[in-house]
Amino acid sequence: MSTIRRIAVPQPAKRLEEYARYPLFRTVGIDSAFYEPPSEAVLAAYASALPPGFPCVSKVWDRITAKRFNQDRRWGNLAGLRNPDFLNADLFKEAVLGPYSRAFRDHAGCFVFEFQAMRGKDVPAAGEWAAQLDRFLQELPREWRYAVELRNPELLDPEHGAVLARHRVAHVFNSWTEMPPIGAQLDLPWVFPADFTVARALLRPGRAYADAVKLFEPYDRVREPLPELRQDLLRLIAEATRRRLEAMILANNRAEGNAPGTIRAVAQALAER
């Protein structure tokens, strides 16, 4: 279990070496890869800081997962336009898998395709979405592990689950603004389609990201314990253990105010069981 934290390029070895020494942290989320795929040099620096086989959960560049460019300044005059590289498997293989295969293969625990909330006419019907995702996953190399995180609750559909199972791709249990709680996701019959699982404790459902930032900065302590979220994570761990699945559990500072504190609390509750 571990926290999600941004890994900045300056002094990555020092930061990751310290992180990996903490006994509760057995994985790490590379969230910065969502905004730009890390270069081979950056990945080599990360690898030099980690123990052999230490698995990382890497988010995938949103150039591949965004159906429409958002208003982020990095998109410039593309903001608001449809993304021609949405679900571009060739771009993923070249820009993401290429550097990882050369410099970070030993640490590529899984790649998370995080699909930001689609709005209005951009929201596909469940069957259309399943077909699109199926075609994309069909083109990906099988030797890597993948997981899909949705931000549209209406797409949590059995057809979507069937596609994940067909390709042995994990469902990402996420605690997020517009998504049902992790416990409600656990009640769905198709949410363990692979031989591993991923959970991301990001926000209290119903709370906006910006509001959490204002409430919790500077993230120096747990400010708002979320008993339901913690119980959901414990339930997920118990189910993964029963199924003999590897579970990668990640937490964000915006969930309770301090990600290490969230992880410690869950680990303590697990030990008390």
C-alpha atoms as a PDB file:
ATOM      1  CA  MET A   1       0.000   0.000   0.000  1.00  0.00           C
ATOM      2  CA  SER A   2       1.165   3.522  -0.610  1.00  0.00           C
ATOM      3  CA  THR A   3       0.278   7.089  -1.222  1.00  0.00           C
ATOM      4  CA  ILE A   4      -0.041   8.801  -4.541  1.00  0.00           C
ATOM      5  CA  ARG A   5       2.417  11.612  -4.829  1.00  0.00           C
ATOM      6  CA  ARG A   6       3.784  13.682  -7.668  1.00  0.00           C
ATOM      7  CA  ILE A   7       7.353  12.684  -8.477  1.00  0.00           C
ATOM      8  CA  ALA A   8       9.194  15.748  -9.683  1.00  0.00           C
ATOM      9  CA  VAL A   9      12.226  15.404 -11.919  1.00  0.00           C
ATOM     10  CA  PRO A  10      14.667  17.240  -9.558  1.00  0.00           C
ATOM     11  CA  GLN A  11      16.340  14.802  -7.154  1.00  0.00           C
ATOM     12  CA  PRO A  12      14.015  11.875  -7.903  1.00  0.00           C
ATOM     13  CA  ALA A  13      16.466   9.359  -6.498  1.00  0.00           C
ATOM     14  CA  LYS A  14      16.607  10.984  -3.080  1.00  0.00           C
ATOM     15  CA  ARG A  15      12.828  11.230  -2.838  1.00  0.00           C
ATOM     16  CA  LEU A  16      12.089   7.731  -4.044  1.00  0.00           C
ATOM     17  CA  GLU A  17      14.831   6.129  -1.958  1.00  0.00           C
ATOM     18  CA  GLU A  18      13.313   7.634   1.167  1.00  0.00           C
ATOM     19  CA  TYR A  19       9.811   6.676   0.095  1.00  0.00           C
ATOM     20  CA  ALA A  20      10.652   3.058  -0.670  1.00  0.00           C
ATOM     21  CA  ARG A  21      12.335   2.565   2.716  1.00  0.00           C
ATOM     22  CA  TYR A  22       9.044   3.125   4.560  1.00  0.00           C
ATOM     23  CA  PRO A  23       7.659  -0.365   5.288  1.00  0.00           C
ATOM     24  CA  LEU A  24       3.999   0.413   4.500  1.00  0.00           C
ATOM     25  CA  PHE A  25       4.789   1.775   1.059  1.00  0.00           C
ATOM     26  CA  ARG A  26       5.042  -1.177  -1.306  1.00  0.00           C
ATOM     27  CA  THR A  27       3.974   0.685  -4.442  1.00  0.00           C
ATOM     28  CA  VAL A  28       3.815   4.283  -5.651  1.00  0.00           C
ATOM     29  CA  GLY A  29       1.607   6.115  -8.088  1.00  0.00           C
ATOM     30  CA  ILE A  30       3.301   8.112 -10.838  1.00  0.00           C
ATOM     31  CA  ASP A  31       0.588  10.696 -11.406  1.00  0.00           C
ATOM     32  CA  SER A  32       2.781  13.157 -13.300  1.00  0.00           C
ATOM     33  CA  ALA A  33       2.737  10.756 -16.262  1.00  0.00           C
ATOM     34  CA  PHE A  34      -0.881  11.816 -16.840  1.00  0.00           C
ATOM     35  CA  TYR A  35       0.262  15.267 -17.976  1.00  0.00           C
ATOM     36  CA  GLU A  36       3.270  14.193 -20.020  1.00  0.00           C
ATOM     37  CA  PRO A  37       4.814  10.776 -20.597  1.00  0.00           C
ATOM     38  CA  PRO A  38       8.104  10.535 -18.679  1.00  0.00           C
ATOM     39  CA  SER A  39      11.227  10.390 -20.776  1.00  0.00           C
ATOM     40  CA  GLU A  40      13.582   7.453 -20.770  1.00  0.00           C
ATOM     41  CA  ALA A  41      16.088   9.510 -18.762  1.00  0.00           C
ATOM     42  CA  VAL A  42      13.537  10.348 -16.085  1.00  0.00           C
ATOM     43  CA  LEU A  43      12.427   6.724 -15.835  1.00  0.00           C
ATOM     44  CA  ALA A  44      16.042   5.573 -15.559  1.00  0.00           C
ATOM     45  CA  ALA A  45      16.512   7.995 -12.645  1.00  0.00           C
ATOM     46  CA  TYR A  46      13.391   6.624 -10.959  1.00  0.00           C
ATOM     47  CA  ALA A  47      14.596   3.059 -11.476  1.00  0.00           C
ATOM     48  CA  SER A  48      17.973   3.817  -9.904  1.00  0.00           C
ATOM     49  CA  ALA A  49      16.202   4.900  -6.712  1.00  0.00           C
ATOM     50  CA  LEU A  50      13.966   1.871  -6.268  1.00  0.00           C
ATOM     51  CA  PRO A  51      14.637  -1.631  -4.932  1.00  0.00           C
ATOM     52  CA  PRO A  52      14.501  -4.382  -7.576  1.00  0.00           C
ATOM     53  CA  GLY A  53      10.945  -5.238  -8.556  1.00  0.00           C
ATOM     54  CA  PHE A  54       9.322  -2.342  -6.669  1.00  0.00           C
ATOM     55  CA  PRO A  55       6.055  -1.891  -8.644  1.00  0.00           C
ATOM     56  CA  CYS A  56       4.766   1.506  -9.714  1.00  0.00           C
ATOM     57  CA  VAL A  57       1.249   2.399 -10.814  1.00  0.00           C
ATOM     58  CA  SER A  58       1.708   4.732 -13.763  1.00  0.00           C
ATOM     59  CA  LYS A  59      -1.092   6.875 -15.076  1.00  0.00           C
ATOM     60  CA  VAL A  60      -1.242   7.132 -18.861  1.00  0.00           C
ATOM     61  CA  TRP A  61      -0.813  10.403 -20.748  1.00  0.00           C
ATOM     62  CA  ASP A  62      -4.184  12.099 -21.128  1.00  0.00           C
ATOM     63  CA  ARG A  63      -3.464  12.767 -24.803  1.00  0.00           C
ATOM     64  CA  ILE A  64      -4.603   9.154 -25.145  1.00  0.00           C
ATOM     65  CA  THR A  65      -7.458   9.131 -22.630  1.00  0.00           C
ATOM     66  CA  ALA A  66      -9.093  12.560 -23.072  1.00  0.00           C
ATOM     67  CA  LYS A  67     -11.999  12.570 -25.493  1.00  0.00           C
ATOM     68  CA  ARG A  68     -11.894  16.375 -25.562  1.00  0.00           C
ATOM     69  CA  PHE A  69      -9.055  18.699 -24.564  1.00  0.00           C
ATOM     70  CA  ASN A  70      -9.858  20.518 -21.335  1.00  0.00           C
ATOM     71  CA  GLN A  71      -9.023  24.130 -20.503  1.00  0.00           C
ATOM     72  CA  ASP A  72      -5.540  23.360 -19.180  1.00  0.00           C
ATOM     73  CA  ARG A  73      -3.093  25.960 -20.500  1.00  0.00           C
ATOM     74  CA  ARG A  74      -0.801  23.246 -21.856  1.00  0.00           C
ATOM     75  CA  TRP A  75      -3.317  22.556 -24.633  1.00  0.00           C
ATOM     76  CA  GLY A  76      -3.181  26.137 -25.931  1.00  0.00           C
ATOM     77  CA  ASN A  77      -5.563  26.697 -28.845  1.00  0.00           C
ATOM     78  CA  LEU A  78      -6.598  23.023 -28.752  1.00  0.00           C
ATOM     79  CA  ALA A  79      -8.573  23.592 -25.527  1.00  0.00           C
ATOM     80  CA  GLY A  80     -12.201  22.598 -25.954  1.00  0.00           C
ATOM     81  CA  LEU A  81     -11.639  20.657 -29.174  1.00  0.00           C
ATOM     82  CA  ARG A  82     -12.133  16.947 -29.764  1.00  0.00           C
ATOM     83  CA  ASN A  83      -8.921  14.988 -29.325  1.00  0.00           C
ATOM     84  CA  PRO A  84      -7.871  13.166 -32.511  1.00  0.00           C
ATOM     85  CA  ASP A  85      -5.576  10.891 -30.459  1.00  0.00           C
ATOM     86  CA  PHE A  86      -8.288   9.587 -28.136  1.00  0.00           C
ATOM     87  CA  LEU A  87      -7.650   5.834 -27.726  1.00  0.00           C
ATOM     88  CA  ASN A  88      -4.693   5.963 -30.093  1.00  0.00           C
ATOM     89  CA  ALA A  89      -2.978   2.647 -29.383  1.00  0.00           C
ATOM     90  CA  ASP A  90      -0.003   3.405 -31.660  1.00  0.00           C
ATOM     91  CA  LEU A  91       0.709   6.640 -29.789  1.00  0.00           C
ATOM     92  CA  PHE A  92       0.493   4.810 -26.465  1.00  0.00           C
ATOM     93  CA  LYS A  93       2.929   2.154 -27.619  1.00  0.00           C
ATOM     94  CA  GLU A  94       5.379   4.701 -28.975  1.00  0.00           C
ATOM     95  CA  ALA A  95       5.225   7.516 -26.407  1.00  0.00           C
ATOM     96  CA  VAL A  96       4.522   5.518 -23.246  1.00  0.00           C
ATOM     97  CA  LEU A  97       5.463   1.875 -23.605  1.00  0.00           C
ATOM     98  CA  GLY A  98       8.642   2.623 -25.539  1.00  0.00           C
ATOM     99  CA  PRO A  99      10.467   4.482 -22.746  1.00  0.00           C
ATOM    100  CA  TYR A 100       9.084   2.139 -20.070  1.00  0.00           C
ATOM    101  CA  SER A 101      10.254  -0.941 -21.941  1.00  0.00           C
ATOM    102  CA  ARG A 102      13.775   0.441 -22.254  1.00  0.00           C
ATOM    103  CA  ALA A 103      14.253   1.973 -18.792  1.00  0.00           C
ATOM    104  CA  PHE A 104      11.536   0.925 -16.353  1.00  0.00           C
ATOM    105  CA  ARG A 105      10.277  -2.550 -17.208  1.00  0.00           C
ATOM    106  CA  ASP A 106      11.197  -3.964 -13.778  1.00  0.00           C
ATOM    107  CA  HIS A 107       8.997  -1.366 -12.058  1.00  0.00           C
ATOM    108  CA  ALA A 108       5.975  -1.158 -14.369  1.00  0.00           C
ATOM    109  CA  GLY A 109       3.386  -2.566 -11.975  1.00  0.00           C
ATOM    110  CA  CYS A 110       0.495  -1.438 -14.161  1.00  0.00           C
ATOM    111  CA  PHE A 111      -0.677   1.368 -16.406  1.00  0.00           C
ATOM    112  CA  VAL A 112      -3.871   3.182 -15.420  1.00  0.00           C
ATOM    113  CA  PHE A 113      -6.023   4.612 -18.210  1.00  0.00           C
ATOM    114  CA  GLU A 114      -7.897   7.333 -16.355  1.00  0.00           C
ATOM    115  CA  PHE A 115     -10.849   8.561 -18.385  1.00  0.00           C
ATOM    116  CA  GLN A 116     -11.918  11.967 -17.152  1.00  0.00           C
ATOM    117  CA  ALA A 117     -15.634  12.669 -16.940  1.00  0.00           C
ATOM    118  CA  MET A 118     -17.178  13.056 -20.376  1.00  0.00           C
ATOM    119  CA  ARG A 119     -20.037  15.539 -20.729  1.00  0.00           C
ATOM    120  CA  GLY A 120     -23.070  16.048 -22.914  1.00  0.00           C
ATOM    121  CA  LYS A 121     -22.782  14.650 -26.412  1.00  0.00           C
ATOM    122  CA  ASP A 122     -19.326  13.293 -25.597  1.00  0.00           C
ATOM    123  CA  VAL A 123     -20.818  10.642 -23.302  1.00  0.00           C
ATOM    124  CA  PRO A 124     -21.158   7.417 -25.308  1.00  0.00           C
ATOM    125  CA  ALA A 125     -23.853   4.817 -24.804  1.00  0.00           C
ATOM    126  CA  ALA A 126     -22.689   1.843 -22.753  1.00  0.00           C
ATOM    127  CA  GLY A 127     -22.477  -0.455 -25.764  1.00  0.00           C
ATOM    128  CA  GLU A 128     -20.629   2.104 -27.872  1.00  0.00           C
ATOM    129  CA  TRP A 129     -18.136   2.688 -25.075  1.00  0.00           C
ATOM    130  CA  ALA A 130     -17.545  -1.029 -24.608  1.00  0.00           C
ATOM    131  CA  ALA A 131     -16.884  -1.463 -28.336  1.00  0.00           C
ATOM    132  CA  GLN A 132     -14.446   1.472 -28.434  1.00  0.00           C
ATOM    133  CA  LEU A 133     -12.543   0.231 -25.401  1.00  0.00           C
ATOM    134  CA  ASP A 134     -12.499  -3.325 -26.748  1.00  0.00           C
ATOM    135  CA  ARG A 135     -10.903  -2.209 -30.019  1.00  0.00           C
ATOM    136  CA  PHE A 136      -8.288  -0.181 -28.151  1.00  0.00           C
ATOM    137  CA  LEU A 137      -7.318  -2.914 -25.692  1.00  0.00           C
ATOM    138  CA  GLN A 138      -7.132  -5.437 -28.518  1.00  0.00           C
ATOM    139  CA  GLU A 139      -4.215  -3.486 -29.979  1.00  0.00           C
ATOM    140  CA  LEU A 140      -2.127  -3.374 -26.797  1.00  0.00           C
ATOM    141  CA  PRO A 141       0.790  -5.723 -26.071  1.00  0.00           C
ATOM    142  CA  ARG A 142      -0.214  -8.482 -23.671  1.00  0.00           C
ATOM    143  CA  GLU A 143       2.964  -8.562 -21.593  1.00  0.00           C
ATOM    144  CA  TRP A 144       2.037  -5.411 -19.638  1.00  0.00           C
ATOM    145  CA  ARG A 145      -0.676  -4.961 -17.021  1.00  0.00           C
ATOM    146  CA  TYR A 146      -3.418  -2.391 -17.539  1.00  0.00           C
ATOM    147  CA  ALA A 147      -6.257  -0.932 -15.482  1.00  0.00           C
ATOM    148  CA  VAL A 148      -9.154   1.348 -16.403  1.00  0.00           C
ATOM    149  CA  GLU A 149     -10.484   4.138 -14.206  1.00  0.00           C
ATOM    150  CA  LEU A 150     -13.832   5.667 -15.122  1.00  0.00           C
ATOM    151  CA  ARG A 151     -15.198   9.026 -14.000  1.00  0.00           C
ATOM    152  CA  ASN A 152     -18.650   8.504 -15.604  1.00  0.00           C
ATOM    153  CA  PRO A 153     -20.762   6.315 -13.297  1.00  0.00           C
ATOM    154  CA  GLU A 154     -23.207   5.507 -16.105  1.00  0.00           C
ATOM    155  CA  LEU A 155     -20.429   3.567 -17.840  1.00  0.00           C
ATOM    156  CA  LEU A 156     -20.072   1.135 -14.909  1.00  0.00           C
ATOM    157  CA  ASP A 157     -21.968  -1.359 -16.999  1.00  0.00           C
ATOM    158  CA  PRO A 158     -21.728  -5.145 -17.438  1.00  0.00           C
ATOM    159  CA  GLU A 159     -20.677  -4.627 -21.067  1.00  0.00           C
ATOM    160  CA  HIS A 160     -17.728  -2.581 -19.845  1.00  0.00           C
ATOM    161  CA  GLY A 161     -16.917  -5.289 -17.312  1.00  0.00           C
ATOM    162  CA  ALA A 162     -17.039  -7.965 -20.003  1.00  0.00           C
ATOM    163  CA  VAL A 163     -14.471  -6.060 -22.067  1.00  0.00           C
ATOM    164  CA  LEU A 164     -12.140  -5.773 -19.070  1.00  0.00           C
ATOM    165  CA  ALA A 165     -12.463  -9.508 -18.417  1.00  0.00           C
ATOM    166  CA  ARG A 166     -11.829 -10.374 -22.073  1.00  0.00           C
ATOM    167  CA  HIS A 167      -8.497  -8.560 -21.940  1.00  0.00           C
ATOM    168  CA  ARG A 168      -7.654  -9.295 -18.271  1.00  0.00           C
ATOM    169  CA  VAL A 169      -7.616  -5.575 -17.514  1.00  0.00           C
ATOM    170  CA  ALA A 170      -8.334  -4.420 -13.960  1.00  0.00           C
ATOM    171  CA  HIS A 171     -11.116  -2.131 -12.830  1.00  0.00           C
ATOM    172  CA  VAL A 172      -9.802   0.799 -10.762  1.00  0.00           C
ATOM    173  CA  PHE A 173     -11.861   1.296  -7.612  1.00  0.00           C
ATOM    174  CA  ASN A 174     -11.872   5.062  -7.186  1.00  0.00           C
ATOM    175  CA  SER A 175     -13.268   7.349  -4.540  1.00  0.00           C
ATOM    176  CA  TRP A 176     -14.052  10.443  -6.614  1.00  0.00           C
ATOM    177  CA  THR A 177     -16.445  13.392  -6.801  1.00  0.00           C
ATOM    178  CA  GLU A 178     -19.101  11.972  -9.133  1.00  0.00           C
ATOM    179  CA  MET A 179     -18.434   8.275  -8.669  1.00  0.00           C
ATOM    180  CA  PRO A 180     -20.271   5.919  -6.303  1.00  0.00           C
ATOM    181  CA  PRO A 181     -18.258   4.987  -3.198  1.00  0.00           C
ATOM    182  CA  ILE A 182     -15.783   2.153  -3.445  1.00  0.00           C
ATOM    183  CA  GLY A 183     -18.157  -0.003  -1.403  1.00  0.00           C
ATOM    184  CA  ALA A 184     -20.903   0.439  -4.003  1.00  0.00           C
ATOM    185  CA  GLN A 185     -18.442  -0.463  -6.748  1.00  0.00           C
ATOM    186  CA  LEU A 186     -17.521  -3.608  -4.820  1.00  0.00           C
ATOM    187  CA  ASP A 187     -21.164  -4.692  -5.034  1.00  0.00           C
ATOM    188  CA  LEU A 188     -20.964  -4.878  -8.828  1.00  0.00           C
ATOM    189  CA  PRO A 189     -20.490  -8.464 -10.042  1.00  0.00           C
ATOM    190  CA  TRP A 190     -17.780  -7.813 -12.656  1.00  0.00           C
ATOM    191  CA  VAL A 191     -15.219  -5.629 -10.821  1.00  0.00           C
ATOM    192  CA  PHE A 192     -12.459  -8.254 -10.408  1.00  0.00           C
ATOM    193  CA  PRO A 193     -11.740  -9.088 -14.067  1.00  0.00           C
ATOM    194  CA  ALA A 194      -7.952  -9.527 -13.748  1.00  0.00           C
ATOM    195  CA  ASP A 195      -5.403 -11.255 -11.538  1.00  0.00           C
ATOM    196  CA  PHE A 196      -4.722  -7.983  -9.690  1.00  0.00           C
ATOM    197  CA  THR A 197      -6.713  -4.951  -8.644  1.00  0.00           C
ATOM    198  CA  VAL A 198      -6.140  -1.239  -8.049  1.00  0.00           C
ATOM    199  CA  ALA A 199      -7.860   1.179  -5.681  1.00  0.00           C
ATOM    200  CA  ARG A 200      -7.362   4.936  -5.536  1.00  0.00           C
ATOM    201  CA  ALA A 201      -8.661   6.843  -2.507  1.00  0.00           C
ATOM    202  CA  LEU A 202      -8.741  10.296  -4.085  1.00  0.00           C
ATOM    203  CA  LEU A 203     -11.652  12.384  -2.784  1.00  0.00           C
ATOM    204  CA  ARG A 204     -14.742  12.017  -0.683  1.00  0.00           C
ATOM    205  CA  PRO A 205     -17.591  11.377  -3.157  1.00  0.00           C
ATOM    206  CA  GLY A 206     -19.493  14.616  -3.713  1.00  0.00           C
ATOM    207  CA  ARG A 207     -16.541  16.896  -2.973  1.00  0.00           C
ATOM    208  CA  ALA A 208     -14.837  18.893  -5.708  1.00  0.00           C
ATOM    209  CA  TYR A 209     -11.078  18.620  -6.072  1.00  0.00           C
ATOM    210  CA  ALA A 210     -10.523  22.385  -5.675  1.00  0.00           C
ATOM    211  CA  ASP A 211     -12.551  22.394  -2.462  1.00  0.00           C
ATOM    212  CA  ALA A 212     -10.426  19.587  -1.040  1.00  0.00           C
ATOM    213  CA  VAL A 213      -7.249  21.490  -1.859  1.00  0.00           C
ATOM    214  CA  LYS A 214      -8.496  24.577   0.019  1.00  0.00           C
ATOM    215  CA  LEU A 215      -9.671  22.487   2.935  1.00  0.00           C
ATOM    216  CA  PHE A 216      -6.596  20.309   3.436  1.00  0.00           C
ATOM    217  CA  GLU A 217      -3.491  22.241   2.413  1.00  0.00           C
ATOM    218  CA  PRO A 218      -0.660  21.951   3.491  1.00  0.00           C
ATOM    219  CA  TYR A 219      -1.509  18.232   3.918  1.00  0.00           C
ATOM    220  CA  ASP A 220       0.405  17.964   7.187  1.00  0.00           C
ATOM    221  CA  ARG A 221      -2.133  15.799   9.046  1.00  0.00           C
ATOM    222  CA  VAL A 222      -5.390  13.918   8.658  1.00  0.00           C
ATOM    223  CA  ARG A 223      -8.013  16.632   8.980  1.00  0.00           C
ATOM    224  CA  GLU A 224     -11.176  14.703   8.161  1.00  0.00           C
ATOM    225  CA  PRO A 225     -11.175  10.944   8.749  1.00  0.00           C
ATOM    226  CA  LEU A 226     -13.531   9.102   6.389  1.00  0.00           C
ATOM    227  CA  PRO A 227     -14.624   5.907   8.193  1.00  0.00           C
ATOM    228  CA  GLU A 228     -16.713   4.697   5.258  1.00  0.00           C
ATOM    229  CA  LEU A 229     -13.796   5.029   2.853  1.00  0.00           C
ATOM    230  CA  ARG A 230     -11.488   3.193   5.233  1.00  0.00           C
ATOM    231  CA  GLN A 231     -13.997   0.392   5.699  1.00  0.00           C
ATOM    232  CA  ASP A 232     -14.432   0.133   1.939  1.00  0.00           C
ATOM    233  CA  LEU A 233     -10.674  -0.242   1.518  1.00  0.00           C
ATOM    234  CA  LEU A 234     -10.565  -2.926   4.207  1.00  0.00           C
ATOM    235  CA  ARG A 235     -13.399  -4.752   2.502  1.00  0.00           C
ATOM    236  CA  LEU A 236     -11.599  -4.541  -0.829  1.00  0.00           C
ATOM    237  CA  ILE A 237      -8.391  -5.903   0.713  1.00  0.00           C
ATOM    238  CA  ALA A 238     -10.332  -8.771   2.288  1.00  0.00           C
ATOM    239  CA  GLU A 239     -11.988  -9.634  -1.031  1.00  0.00           C
ATOM    240  CA  ALA A 240      -8.704  -9.443  -2.925  1.00  0.00           C
ATOM    241  CA  THR A 241      -7.109 -11.705  -0.319  1.00  0.00           C
ATOM    242  CA  ARG A 242      -9.970 -14.182  -0.619  1.00  0.00           C
ATOM    243  CA  ARG A 243      -9.534 -14.229  -4.395  1.00  0.00           C
ATOM    244  CA  ARG A 244      -5.721 -14.381  -4.051  1.00  0.00           C
ATOM    245  CA  LEU A 245      -5.257 -11.207  -6.056  1.00  0.00           C
ATOM    246  CA  GLU A 246      -2.515  -8.639  -5.759  1.00  0.00           C
ATOM    247  CA  ALA A 247      -4.049  -5.355  -4.584  1.00  0.00           C
ATOM    248  CA  MET A 248      -2.371  -2.000  -5.151  1.00  0.00           C
ATOM    249  CA  ILE A 249      -3.969   0.535  -2.809  1.00  0.00           C
ATOM    250  CA  LEU A 250      -3.146   4.201  -3.244  1.00  0.00           C
ATOM    251  CA  ALA A 251      -4.290   7.263  -1.335  1.00  0.00           C
ATOM    252  CA  ASN A 252      -4.248  10.970  -2.092  1.00  0.00           C
ATOM    253  CA  ASN A 253      -3.759  13.904   0.264  1.00  0.00           C
ATOM    254  CA  ARG A 254      -7.119  15.245  -0.907  1.00  0.00           C
ATOM    255  CA  ALA A 255      -9.016  12.287   0.591  1.00  0.00           C
ATOM    256  CA  GLU A 256      -8.494  12.971   4.304  1.00  0.00           C
ATOM    257  CA  GLY A 257      -5.780  15.627   4.316  1.00  0.00           C
ATOM    258  CA  ASN A 258      -2.680  13.465   4.629  1.00  0.00           C
ATOM    259  CA  ALA A 259      -2.142  10.365   2.491  1.00  0.00           C
ATOM    260  CA  PRO A 260       0.440   8.646   4.745  1.00  0.00           C
ATOM    261  CA  GLY A 261      -1.970   9.085   7.653  1.00  0.00           C
ATOM    262  CA  THR A 262      -4.756   7.463   5.653  1.00  0.00           C
ATOM    263  CA  ILE A 263      -2.539   4.510   4.800  1.00  0.00           C
ATOM    264  CA  ARG A 264      -1.372   4.123   8.389  1.00  0.00           C
ATOM    265  CA  ALA A 265      -4.948   4.139   9.640  1.00  0.00           C
ATOM    266  CA  VAL A 266      -6.020   1.466   7.146  1.00  0.00           C
ATOM    267  CA  ALA A 267      -2.956  -0.656   7.949  1.00  0.00           C
ATOM    268  CA  GLN A 268      -3.619  -0.377  11.678  1.00  0.00           C
ATOM    269  CA  ALA A 269      -7.261  -1.381  11.235  1.00  0.00           C
ATOM    270  CA  LEU A 270      -6.156  -4.308   9.073  1.00  0.00           C
ATOM    271  CA  ALA A 271      -3.692  -5.443  11.748  1.00  0.00           C
ATOM    272  CA  GLU A 272      -6.376  -5.233  14.435  1.00  0.00           C
ATOM    273  CA  ARG A 273      -8.541  -7.607  12.417  1.00  0.00           C
END
